[in-house]
Amino acid sequence: WIYRHLHKAAERMVELAKAYPRREENSLQSRALNQAARELLLAQSSDWAFIMKAGAMLEYAIKRTKEHLFRFTKLYDDIRSDKIDAAWLSDIEDKDNIFSDIGYHIYQ
């Protein structure tokens, strides 16, 4: 069930990268775009699908997948509407700061 959501999120990430060419590195919009890229990668982690298929820690794997997809979708909507919640963005940047040097433009 997760793959249709992951594919849609990947399409949306490409859309964002094309719609917002390189921005000032530390701007709020650039930070949100980079975090969207992180959330997509975290949602796409093959471990979640593997864990779900294996049945081990099923609830945790489902929770994490949904959490990253929710965050990605909120970031997508916030970016497209130009209403980025800076406090919420800072919070999720602190929670999942893997790939700290990611540049969203890799999705162009």
PDB file of N, CA and C in Angstrom:
ATOM      1  N   TRP A   1       0.803  -1.210   0.000  1.00  0.00           N
ATOM      2  CA  TRP A   1       0.000   0.000   0.000  1.00  0.00           C
ATOM      3  C   TRP A   1       0.838   1.263   0.000  1.00  0.00           C
ATOM      4  N   ILE A   2       2.075   1.150   0.426  1.00  0.00           N
ATOM      5  CA  ILE A   2       2.887   2.369   0.558  1.00  0.00           C
ATOM      6  C   ILE A   2       3.419   2.891  -0.775  1.00  0.00           C
ATOM      7  N   TYR A   3       3.574   2.004  -1.749  1.00  0.00           N
ATOM      8  CA  TYR A   3       4.283   2.413  -2.962  1.00  0.00           C
ATOM      9  C   TYR A   3       3.560   3.478  -3.776  1.00  0.00           C
ATOM     10  N   ARG A   4       2.248   3.432  -3.819  1.00  0.00           N
ATOM     11  CA  ARG A   4       1.541   4.481  -4.572  1.00  0.00           C
ATOM     12  C   ARG A   4       1.764   5.841  -3.930  1.00  0.00           C
ATOM     13  N   HIS A   5       1.865   5.883  -2.602  1.00  0.00           N
ATOM     14  CA  HIS A   5       2.123   7.136  -1.898  1.00  0.00           C
ATOM     15  C   HIS A   5       3.567   7.596  -2.104  1.00  0.00           C
ATOM     16  N   LEU A   6       4.481   6.642  -2.084  1.00  0.00           N
ATOM     17  CA  LEU A   6       5.886   6.986  -2.313  1.00  0.00           C
ATOM     18  C   LEU A   6       6.115   7.489  -3.731  1.00  0.00           C
ATOM     19  N   HIS A   7       5.475   6.854  -4.703  1.00  0.00           N
ATOM     20  CA  HIS A   7       5.618   7.295  -6.095  1.00  0.00           C
ATOM     21  C   HIS A   7       5.053   8.705  -6.284  1.00  0.00           C
ATOM     22  N   LYS A   8       3.905   8.977  -5.673  1.00  0.00           N
ATOM     23  CA  LYS A   8       3.300  10.311  -5.770  1.00  0.00           C
ATOM     24  C   LYS A   8       4.198  11.351  -5.124  1.00  0.00           C
ATOM     25  N   ALA A   9       4.758  11.025  -3.962  1.00  0.00           N
ATOM     26  CA  ALA A   9       5.653  11.954  -3.278  1.00  0.00           C
ATOM     27  C   ALA A   9       6.897  12.215  -4.128  1.00  0.00           C
ATOM     28  N   ALA A  10       7.432  11.184  -4.759  1.00  0.00           N
ATOM     29  CA  ALA A  10       8.605  11.360  -5.624  1.00  0.00           C
ATOM     30  C   ALA A  10       8.279  12.269  -6.809  1.00  0.00           C
ATOM     31  N   GLU A  11       7.112  12.080  -7.402  1.00  0.00           N
ATOM     32  CA  GLU A  11       6.678  12.956  -8.504  1.00  0.00           C
ATOM     33  C   GLU A  11       6.574  14.401  -8.022  1.00  0.00           C
ATOM     34  N   ARG A  12       6.027  14.578  -6.840  1.00  0.00           N
ATOM     35  CA  ARG A  12       5.872  15.924  -6.288  1.00  0.00           C
ATOM     36  C   ARG A  12       7.227  16.556  -5.958  1.00  0.00           C
ATOM     37  N   MET A  13       8.184  15.750  -5.519  1.00  0.00           N
ATOM     38  CA  MET A  13       9.510  16.293  -5.222  1.00  0.00           C
ATOM     39  C   MET A  13      10.170  16.795  -6.499  1.00  0.00           C
ATOM     40  N   VAL A  14      10.050  16.048  -7.579  1.00  0.00           N
ATOM     41  CA  VAL A  14      10.583  16.488  -8.875  1.00  0.00           C
ATOM     42  C   VAL A  14       9.887  17.785  -9.292  1.00  0.00           C
ATOM     43  N   GLU A  15       8.572  17.827  -9.109  1.00  0.00           N
ATOM     44  CA  GLU A  15       7.800  19.032  -9.431  1.00  0.00           C
ATOM     45  C   GLU A  15       8.329  20.239  -8.660  1.00  0.00           C
ATOM     46  N   LEU A  16       8.548  20.069  -7.353  1.00  0.00           N
ATOM     47  CA  LEU A  16       9.066  21.164  -6.531  1.00  0.00           C
ATOM     48  C   LEU A  16      10.441  21.616  -6.999  1.00  0.00           C
ATOM     49  N   ALA A  17      11.310  20.666  -7.249  1.00  0.00           N
ATOM     50  CA  ALA A  17      12.674  21.008  -7.660  1.00  0.00           C
ATOM     51  C   ALA A  17      12.677  21.791  -8.971  1.00  0.00           C
ATOM     52  N   LYS A  18      11.798  21.428  -9.874  1.00  0.00           N
ATOM     53  CA  LYS A  18      11.708  22.139 -11.150  1.00  0.00           C
ATOM     54  C   LYS A  18      11.032  23.507 -10.991  1.00  0.00           C
ATOM     55  N   ALA A  19      10.060  23.593 -10.111  1.00  0.00           N
ATOM     56  CA  ALA A  19       9.322  24.844  -9.917  1.00  0.00           C
ATOM     57  C   ALA A  19      10.127  25.889  -9.151  1.00  0.00           C
ATOM     58  N   TYR A  20      11.073  25.423  -8.327  1.00  0.00           N
ATOM     59  CA  TYR A  20      11.862  26.328  -7.498  1.00  0.00           C
ATOM     60  C   TYR A  20      13.343  26.093  -7.762  1.00  0.00           C
ATOM     61  N   PRO A  21      13.861  26.690  -8.840  1.00  0.00           N
ATOM     62  CA  PRO A  21      15.286  26.516  -9.114  1.00  0.00           C
ATOM     63  C   PRO A  21      16.108  27.016  -7.927  1.00  0.00           C
ATOM     64  N   ARG A  22      17.344  26.731  -7.942  1.00  0.00           N
ATOM     65  CA  ARG A  22      18.235  27.052  -6.809  1.00  0.00           C
ATOM     66  C   ARG A  22      17.851  28.348  -6.100  1.00  0.00           C
ATOM     67  N   ARG A  23      17.801  28.256  -4.796  1.00  0.00           N
ATOM     68  CA  ARG A  23      17.456  29.388  -3.941  1.00  0.00           C
ATOM     69  C   ARG A  23      18.633  29.693  -3.030  1.00  0.00           C
ATOM     70  N   GLU A  24      18.542  30.829  -2.370  1.00  0.00           N
ATOM     71  CA  GLU A  24      19.542  31.175  -1.363  1.00  0.00           C
ATOM     72  C   GLU A  24      19.588  30.028  -0.354  1.00  0.00           C
ATOM     73  N   GLU A  25      20.768  29.532  -0.090  1.00  0.00           N
ATOM     74  CA  GLU A  25      20.937  28.298   0.692  1.00  0.00           C
ATOM     75  C   GLU A  25      20.209  28.272   2.027  1.00  0.00           C
ATOM     76  N   ASN A  26      20.207  29.340   2.767  1.00  0.00           N
ATOM     77  CA  ASN A  26      19.615  29.310   4.104  1.00  0.00           C
ATOM     78  C   ASN A  26      18.240  29.958   4.174  1.00  0.00           C
ATOM     79  N   SER A  27      17.629  30.221   3.038  1.00  0.00           N
ATOM     80  CA  SER A  27      16.296  30.813   3.062  1.00  0.00           C
ATOM     81  C   SER A  27      15.304  29.789   3.617  1.00  0.00           C
ATOM     82  N   LEU A  28      14.205  30.288   4.121  1.00  0.00           N
ATOM     83  CA  LEU A  28      13.175  29.403   4.662  1.00  0.00           C
ATOM     84  C   LEU A  28      12.676  28.446   3.590  1.00  0.00           C
ATOM     85  N   GLN A  29      12.477  28.946   2.391  1.00  0.00           N
ATOM     86  CA  GLN A  29      12.000  28.099   1.297  1.00  0.00           C
ATOM     87  C   GLN A  29      13.021  27.010   0.949  1.00  0.00           C
ATOM     88  N   SER A  30      14.277  27.368   0.884  1.00  0.00           N
ATOM     89  CA  SER A  30      15.327  26.386   0.585  1.00  0.00           C
ATOM     90  C   SER A  30      15.404  25.323   1.679  1.00  0.00           C
ATOM     91  N   ARG A  31      15.300  25.744   2.932  1.00  0.00           N
ATOM     92  CA  ARG A  31      15.309  24.785   4.039  1.00  0.00           C
ATOM     93  C   ARG A  31      14.130  23.831   3.934  1.00  0.00           C
ATOM     94  N   ALA A  32      12.953  24.355   3.591  1.00  0.00           N
ATOM     95  CA  ALA A  32      11.756  23.514   3.461  1.00  0.00           C
ATOM     96  C   ALA A  32      11.913  22.537   2.301  1.00  0.00           C
ATOM     97  N   LEU A  33      12.457  22.999   1.195  1.00  0.00           N
ATOM     98  CA  LEU A  33      12.685  22.118   0.040  1.00  0.00           C
ATOM     99  C   LEU A  33      13.685  21.019   0.390  1.00  0.00           C
ATOM    100  N   ASN A  34      14.748  21.369   1.088  1.00  0.00           N
ATOM    101  CA  ASN A  34      15.731  20.361   1.497  1.00  0.00           C
ATOM    102  C   ASN A  34      15.129  19.363   2.474  1.00  0.00           C
ATOM    103  N   GLN A  35      14.291  19.842   3.390  1.00  0.00           N
ATOM    104  CA  GLN A  35      13.653  18.928   4.335  1.00  0.00           C
ATOM    105  C   GLN A  35      12.662  18.023   3.623  1.00  0.00           C
ATOM    106  N   ALA A  36      11.981  18.541   2.616  1.00  0.00           N
ATOM    107  CA  ALA A  36      11.070  17.694   1.832  1.00  0.00           C
ATOM    108  C   ALA A  36      11.859  16.560   1.185  1.00  0.00           C
ATOM    109  N   ALA A  37      13.031  16.865   0.665  1.00  0.00           N
ATOM    110  CA  ALA A  37      13.882  15.825   0.073  1.00  0.00           C
ATOM    111  C   ALA A  37      14.276  14.793   1.129  1.00  0.00           C
ATOM    112  N   ARG A  38      14.616  15.250   2.322  1.00  0.00           N
ATOM    113  CA  ARG A  38      14.965  14.332   3.421  1.00  0.00           C
ATOM    114  C   ARG A  38      13.786  13.438   3.780  1.00  0.00           C
ATOM    115  N   GLU A  39      12.615  14.041   3.927  1.00  0.00           N
ATOM    116  CA  GLU A  39      11.426  13.267   4.306  1.00  0.00           C
ATOM    117  C   GLU A  39      11.104  12.216   3.256  1.00  0.00           C
ATOM    118  N   LEU A  40      11.273  12.559   1.989  1.00  0.00           N
ATOM    119  CA  LEU A  40      11.042  11.579   0.931  1.00  0.00           C
ATOM    120  C   LEU A  40      12.017  10.418   1.065  1.00  0.00           C
ATOM    121  N   LEU A  41      13.290  10.704   1.239  1.00  0.00           N
ATOM    122  CA  LEU A  41      14.278   9.632   1.391  1.00  0.00           C
ATOM    123  C   LEU A  41      13.983   8.772   2.621  1.00  0.00           C
ATOM    124  N   LEU A  42      13.593   9.410   3.704  1.00  0.00           N
ATOM    125  CA  LEU A  42      13.270   8.650   4.918  1.00  0.00           C
ATOM    126  C   LEU A  42      12.043   7.769   4.710  1.00  0.00           C
ATOM    127  N   ALA A  43      11.054   8.279   4.002  1.00  0.00           N
ATOM    128  CA  ALA A  43       9.858   7.471   3.719  1.00  0.00           C
ATOM    129  C   ALA A  43      10.185   6.321   2.778  1.00  0.00           C
ATOM    130  N   GLN A  44      11.108   6.545   1.857  1.00  0.00           N
ATOM    131  CA  GLN A  44      11.458   5.530   0.868  1.00  0.00           C
ATOM    132  C   GLN A  44      12.395   4.454   1.405  1.00  0.00           C
ATOM    133  N   SER A  45      12.887   4.623   2.594  1.00  0.00           N
ATOM    134  CA  SER A  45      13.809   3.641   3.152  1.00  0.00           C
ATOM    135  C   SER A  45      13.245   2.231   2.983  1.00  0.00           C
ATOM    136  N   SER A  46      14.015   1.365   2.367  1.00  0.00           N
ATOM    137  CA  SER A  46      13.533   0.007   2.098  1.00  0.00           C
ATOM    138  C   SER A  46      13.263  -0.772   3.381  1.00  0.00           C
ATOM    139  N   ASP A  47      13.843  -0.363   4.466  1.00  0.00           N
ATOM    140  CA  ASP A  47      13.630  -1.072   5.725  1.00  0.00           C
ATOM    141  C   ASP A  47      12.169  -1.051   6.158  1.00  0.00           C
ATOM    142  N   TRP A  48      11.457   0.051   5.927  1.00  0.00           N
ATOM    143  CA  TRP A  48      10.064   0.117   6.372  1.00  0.00           C
ATOM    144  C   TRP A  48       9.234  -0.944   5.667  1.00  0.00           C
ATOM    145  N   ALA A  49       9.362  -1.011   4.344  1.00  0.00           N
ATOM    146  CA  ALA A  49       8.590  -2.012   3.592  1.00  0.00           C
ATOM    147  C   ALA A  49       9.001  -3.425   3.994  1.00  0.00           C
ATOM    148  N   PHE A  50      10.288  -3.637   4.185  1.00  0.00           N
ATOM    149  CA  PHE A  50      10.778  -4.959   4.589  1.00  0.00           C
ATOM    150  C   PHE A  50      10.217  -5.340   5.958  1.00  0.00           C
ATOM    151  N   ILE A  51      10.257  -4.393   6.880  1.00  0.00           N
ATOM    152  CA  ILE A  51       9.743  -4.653   8.228  1.00  0.00           C
ATOM    153  C   ILE A  51       8.250  -4.979   8.172  1.00  0.00           C
ATOM    154  N   MET A  52       7.518  -4.233   7.352  1.00  0.00           N
ATOM    155  CA  MET A  52       6.078  -4.490   7.224  1.00  0.00           C
ATOM    156  C   MET A  52       5.825  -5.877   6.653  1.00  0.00           C
ATOM    157  N   LYS A  53       6.579  -6.237   5.625  1.00  0.00           N
ATOM    158  CA  LYS A  53       6.384  -7.551   5.008  1.00  0.00           C
ATOM    159  C   LYS A  53       6.741  -8.675   5.981  1.00  0.00           C
ATOM    160  N   ALA A  54       7.809  -8.463   6.748  1.00  0.00           N
ATOM    161  CA  ALA A  54       8.251  -9.476   7.708  1.00  0.00           C
ATOM    162  C   ALA A  54       7.325  -9.555   8.917  1.00  0.00           C
ATOM    163  N   GLY A  55       6.593  -8.479   9.176  1.00  0.00           N
ATOM    164  CA  GLY A  55       5.670  -8.480  10.304  1.00  0.00           C
ATOM    165  C   GLY A  55       6.312  -8.126  11.625  1.00  0.00           C
ATOM    166  N   ALA A  56       7.607  -7.870  11.622  1.00  0.00           N
ATOM    167  CA  ALA A  56       8.299  -7.498  12.853  1.00  0.00           C
ATOM    168  C   ALA A  56       8.157  -5.997  13.064  1.00  0.00           C
ATOM    169  N   MET A  57       7.775  -5.589  14.240  1.00  0.00           N
ATOM    170  CA  MET A  57       7.621  -4.176  14.560  1.00  0.00           C
ATOM    171  C   MET A  57       6.733  -3.467  13.531  1.00  0.00           C
ATOM    172  N   LEU A  58       5.682  -4.134  13.149  1.00  0.00           N
ATOM    173  CA  LEU A  58       4.779  -3.662  12.109  1.00  0.00           C
ATOM    174  C   LEU A  58       4.228  -2.264  12.398  1.00  0.00           C
ATOM    175  N   GLU A  59       3.711  -2.061  13.599  1.00  0.00           N
ATOM    176  CA  GLU A  59       3.105  -0.774  13.943  1.00  0.00           C
ATOM    177  C   GLU A  59       4.118   0.365  13.841  1.00  0.00           C
ATOM    178  N   TYR A  60       5.350   0.099  14.298  1.00  0.00           N
ATOM    179  CA  TYR A  60       6.391   1.133  14.247  1.00  0.00           C
ATOM    180  C   TYR A  60       6.731   1.487  12.801  1.00  0.00           C
ATOM    181  N   ALA A  61       6.867   0.494  11.948  1.00  0.00           N
ATOM    182  CA  ALA A  61       7.199   0.736  10.544  1.00  0.00           C
ATOM    183  C   ALA A  61       6.089   1.517   9.846  1.00  0.00           C
ATOM    184  N   ILE A  62       4.852   1.167  10.137  1.00  0.00           N
ATOM    185  CA  ILE A  62       3.715   1.889   9.550  1.00  0.00           C
ATOM    186  C   ILE A  62       3.705   3.330  10.052  1.00  0.00           C
ATOM    187  N   LYS A  63       3.903   3.510  11.358  1.00  0.00           N
ATOM    188  CA  LYS A  63       3.913   4.853  11.949  1.00  0.00           C
ATOM    189  C   LYS A  63       4.991   5.720  11.316  1.00  0.00           C
ATOM    190  N   ARG A  64       6.196   5.194  11.183  1.00  0.00           N
ATOM    191  CA  ARG A  64       7.290   5.988  10.616  1.00  0.00           C
ATOM    192  C   ARG A  64       7.045   6.318   9.153  1.00  0.00           C
ATOM    193  N   THR A  65       6.564   5.378   8.378  1.00  0.00           N
ATOM    194  CA  THR A  65       6.276   5.640   6.969  1.00  0.00           C
ATOM    195  C   THR A  65       5.223   6.729   6.839  1.00  0.00           C
ATOM    196  N   LYS A  66       4.141   6.595   7.587  1.00  0.00           N
ATOM    197  CA  LYS A  66       3.076   7.598   7.529  1.00  0.00           C
ATOM    198  C   LYS A  66       3.569   8.961   8.001  1.00  0.00           C
ATOM    199  N   GLU A  67       4.396   8.966   9.035  1.00  0.00           N
ATOM    200  CA  GLU A  67       4.925  10.217   9.579  1.00  0.00           C
ATOM    201  C   GLU A  67       5.742  10.970   8.531  1.00  0.00           C
ATOM    202  N   HIS A  68       6.635  10.259   7.844  1.00  0.00           N
ATOM    203  CA  HIS A  68       7.473  10.922   6.837  1.00  0.00           C
ATOM    204  C   HIS A  68       6.651  11.358   5.625  1.00  0.00           C
ATOM    205  N   LEU A  69       5.672  10.560   5.243  1.00  0.00           N
ATOM    206  CA  LEU A  69       4.798  10.957   4.138  1.00  0.00           C
ATOM    207  C   LEU A  69       3.941  12.164   4.520  1.00  0.00           C
ATOM    208  N   PHE A  70       3.455  12.203   5.759  1.00  0.00           N
ATOM    209  CA  PHE A  70       2.694  13.357   6.226  1.00  0.00           C
ATOM    210  C   PHE A  70       3.555  14.608   6.196  1.00  0.00           C
ATOM    211  N   ARG A  71       4.759  14.504   6.737  1.00  0.00           N
ATOM    212  CA  ARG A  71       5.653  15.663   6.762  1.00  0.00           C
ATOM    213  C   ARG A  71       5.960  16.139   5.344  1.00  0.00           C
ATOM    214  N   PHE A  72       6.248  15.187   4.459  1.00  0.00           N
ATOM    215  CA  PHE A  72       6.534  15.565   3.076  1.00  0.00           C
ATOM    216  C   PHE A  72       5.336  16.305   2.479  1.00  0.00           C
ATOM    217  N   THR A  73       4.145  15.761   2.661  1.00  0.00           N
ATOM    218  CA  THR A  73       2.948  16.360   2.080  1.00  0.00           C
ATOM    219  C   THR A  73       2.683  17.743   2.654  1.00  0.00           C
ATOM    220  N   LYS A  74       2.866  17.908   3.950  1.00  0.00           N
ATOM    221  CA  LYS A  74       2.690  19.230   4.558  1.00  0.00           C
ATOM    222  C   LYS A  74       3.718  20.209   4.003  1.00  0.00           C
ATOM    223  N   LEU A  75       4.954  19.784   3.877  1.00  0.00           N
ATOM    224  CA  LEU A  75       5.972  20.659   3.299  1.00  0.00           C
ATOM    225  C   LEU A  75       5.621  21.029   1.859  1.00  0.00           C
ATOM    226  N   TYR A  76       5.182  20.054   1.096  1.00  0.00           N
ATOM    227  CA  TYR A  76       4.775  20.307  -0.289  1.00  0.00           C
ATOM    228  C   TYR A  76       3.674  21.372  -0.323  1.00  0.00           C
ATOM    229  N   ASP A  77       2.644  21.175   0.472  1.00  0.00           N
ATOM    230  CA  ASP A  77       1.521  22.126   0.500  1.00  0.00           C
ATOM    231  C   ASP A  77       1.975  23.504   0.985  1.00  0.00           C
ATOM    232  N   ASP A  78       2.805  23.532   2.020  1.00  0.00           N
ATOM    233  CA  ASP A  78       3.295  24.809   2.562  1.00  0.00           C
ATOM    234  C   ASP A  78       4.147  25.554   1.540  1.00  0.00           C
ATOM    235  N   ILE A  79       5.016  24.844   0.861  1.00  0.00           N
ATOM    236  CA  ILE A  79       5.884  25.466  -0.146  1.00  0.00           C
ATOM    237  C   ILE A  79       5.045  26.014  -1.291  1.00  0.00           C
ATOM    238  N   ARG A  80       4.122  25.193  -1.794  1.00  0.00           N
ATOM    239  CA  ARG A  80       3.289  25.614  -2.929  1.00  0.00           C
ATOM    240  C   ARG A  80       2.392  26.798  -2.579  1.00  0.00           C
ATOM    241  N   SER A  81       1.949  26.886  -1.345  1.00  0.00           N
ATOM    242  CA  SER A  81       1.077  27.993  -0.938  1.00  0.00           C
ATOM    243  C   SER A  81       1.870  29.166  -0.365  1.00  0.00           C
ATOM    244  N   ASP A  82       3.198  29.026  -0.302  1.00  0.00           N
ATOM    245  CA  ASP A  82       4.089  30.057   0.251  1.00  0.00           C
ATOM    246  C   ASP A  82       3.703  30.414   1.688  1.00  0.00           C
ATOM    247  N   LYS A  83       3.388  29.366   2.472  1.00  0.00           N
ATOM    248  CA  LYS A  83       3.019  29.543   3.881  1.00  0.00           C
ATOM    249  C   LYS A  83       3.780  28.529   4.727  1.00  0.00           C
ATOM    250  N   ILE A  84       5.089  28.659   4.744  1.00  0.00           N
ATOM    251  CA  ILE A  84       5.941  27.713   5.469  1.00  0.00           C
ATOM    252  C   ILE A  84       5.931  28.059   6.955  1.00  0.00           C
ATOM    253  N   ASP A  85       5.646  27.074   7.768  1.00  0.00           N
ATOM    254  CA  ASP A  85       5.623  27.221   9.222  1.00  0.00           C
ATOM    255  C   ASP A  85       7.063  27.053   9.724  1.00  0.00           C
ATOM    256  N   ALA A  86       7.718  28.163  10.006  1.00  0.00           N
ATOM    257  CA  ALA A  86       9.139  28.145  10.368  1.00  0.00           C
ATOM    258  C   ALA A  86       9.406  27.346  11.649  1.00  0.00           C
ATOM    259  N   ALA A  87       8.540  27.478  12.636  1.00  0.00           N
ATOM    260  CA  ALA A  87       8.740  26.754  13.900  1.00  0.00           C
ATOM    261  C   ALA A  87       8.608  25.249  13.690  1.00  0.00           C
ATOM    262  N   TRP A  88       7.593  24.826  12.934  1.00  0.00           N
ATOM    263  CA  TRP A  88       7.399  23.401  12.655  1.00  0.00           C
ATOM    264  C   TRP A  88       8.560  22.859  11.835  1.00  0.00           C
ATOM    265  N   LEU A  89       9.007  23.641  10.848  1.00  0.00           N
ATOM    266  CA  LEU A  89      10.146  23.225  10.027  1.00  0.00           C
ATOM    267  C   LEU A  89      11.382  23.024  10.889  1.00  0.00           C
ATOM    268  N   SER A  90      11.672  23.969  11.771  1.00  0.00           N
ATOM    269  CA  SER A  90      12.828  23.836  12.667  1.00  0.00           C
ATOM    270  C   SER A  90      12.728  22.577  13.519  1.00  0.00           C
ATOM    271  N   ASP A  91      11.530  22.301  13.999  1.00  0.00           N
ATOM    272  CA  ASP A  91      11.312  21.120  14.834  1.00  0.00           C
ATOM    273  C   ASP A  91      11.625  19.835  14.075  1.00  0.00           C
ATOM    274  N   ILE A  92      11.114  19.705  12.859  1.00  0.00           N
ATOM    275  CA  ILE A  92      11.370  18.450  12.140  1.00  0.00           C
ATOM    276  C   ILE A  92      12.796  18.384  11.603  1.00  0.00           C
ATOM    277  N   GLU A  93      13.408  19.536  11.339  1.00  0.00           N
ATOM    278  CA  GLU A  93      14.823  19.527  10.961  1.00  0.00           C
ATOM    279  C   GLU A  93      15.664  18.976  12.105  1.00  0.00           C
ATOM    280  N   ASP A  94      15.306  19.331  13.336  1.00  0.00           N
ATOM    281  CA  ASP A  94      16.035  18.831  14.503  1.00  0.00           C
ATOM    282  C   ASP A  94      15.788  17.345  14.742  1.00  0.00           C
ATOM    283  N   LYS A  95      14.559  16.889  14.486  1.00  0.00           N
ATOM    284  CA  LYS A  95      14.218  15.487  14.737  1.00  0.00           C
ATOM    285  C   LYS A  95      14.926  14.544  13.768  1.00  0.00           C
ATOM    286  N   ASP A  96      14.958  14.908  12.514  1.00  0.00           N
ATOM    287  CA  ASP A  96      15.547  14.043  11.490  1.00  0.00           C
ATOM    288  C   ASP A  96      16.510  14.856  10.641  1.00  0.00           C
ATOM    289  N   ASN A  97      17.733  14.972  11.124  1.00  0.00           N
ATOM    290  CA  ASN A  97      18.706  15.808  10.428  1.00  0.00           C
ATOM    291  C   ASN A  97      19.721  14.997   9.625  1.00  0.00           C
ATOM    292  N   ILE A  98      19.320  13.809   9.234  1.00  0.00           N
ATOM    293  CA  ILE A  98      20.159  12.981   8.383  1.00  0.00           C
ATOM    294  C   ILE A  98      20.306  13.681   7.026  1.00  0.00           C
ATOM    295  N   PHE A  99      21.355  13.406   6.324  1.00  0.00           N
ATOM    296  CA  PHE A  99      21.641  14.021   5.032  1.00  0.00           C
ATOM    297  C   PHE A  99      21.672  15.547   5.163  1.00  0.00           C
ATOM    298  N   SER A 100      22.449  16.039   6.114  1.00  0.00           N
ATOM    299  CA  SER A 100      22.449  17.477   6.407  1.00  0.00           C
ATOM    300  C   SER A 100      22.880  18.330   5.215  1.00  0.00           C
ATOM    301  N   ASP A 101      23.626  17.772   4.293  1.00  0.00           N
ATOM    302  CA  ASP A 101      24.094  18.533   3.139  1.00  0.00           C
ATOM    303  C   ASP A 101      23.263  18.325   1.885  1.00  0.00           C
ATOM    304  N   ILE A 102      22.110  17.694   2.023  1.00  0.00           N
ATOM    305  CA  ILE A 102      21.293  17.416   0.836  1.00  0.00           C
ATOM    306  C   ILE A 102      20.872  18.725   0.158  1.00  0.00           C
ATOM    307  N   GLY A 103      20.840  18.691  -1.141  1.00  0.00           N
ATOM    308  CA  GLY A 103      20.337  19.811  -1.919  1.00  0.00           C
ATOM    309  C   GLY A 103      19.157  19.335  -2.740  1.00  0.00           C
ATOM    310  N   TYR A 104      18.004  19.927  -2.530  1.00  0.00           N
ATOM    311  CA  TYR A 104      16.779  19.477  -3.192  1.00  0.00           C
ATOM    312  C   TYR A 104      16.892  19.475  -4.707  1.00  0.00           C
ATOM    313  N   HIS A 105      17.802  20.281  -5.236  1.00  0.00           N
ATOM    314  CA  HIS A 105      17.948  20.421  -6.691  1.00  0.00           C
ATOM    315  C   HIS A 105      18.390  19.122  -7.356  1.00  0.00           C
ATOM    316  N   ILE A 106      18.810  18.130  -6.578  1.00  0.00           N
ATOM    317  CA  ILE A 106      19.172  16.836  -7.186  1.00  0.00           C
ATOM    318  C   ILE A 106      17.975  16.168  -7.839  1.00  0.00           C
ATOM    319  N   TYR A 107      16.778  16.631  -7.516  1.00  0.00           N
ATOM    320  CA  TYR A 107      15.563  16.060  -8.085  1.00  0.00           C
ATOM    321  C   TYR A 107      15.144  16.729  -9.407  1.00  0.00           C
ATOM    322  N   GLN A 108      15.925  17.707  -9.861  1.00  0.00           N
ATOM    323  CA  GLN A 108      15.573  18.388 -11.117  1.00  0.00           C
ATOM    324  C   GLN A 108      15.789  17.483 -12.296  1.00  0.00           C
TER     325      GLN A 108
END
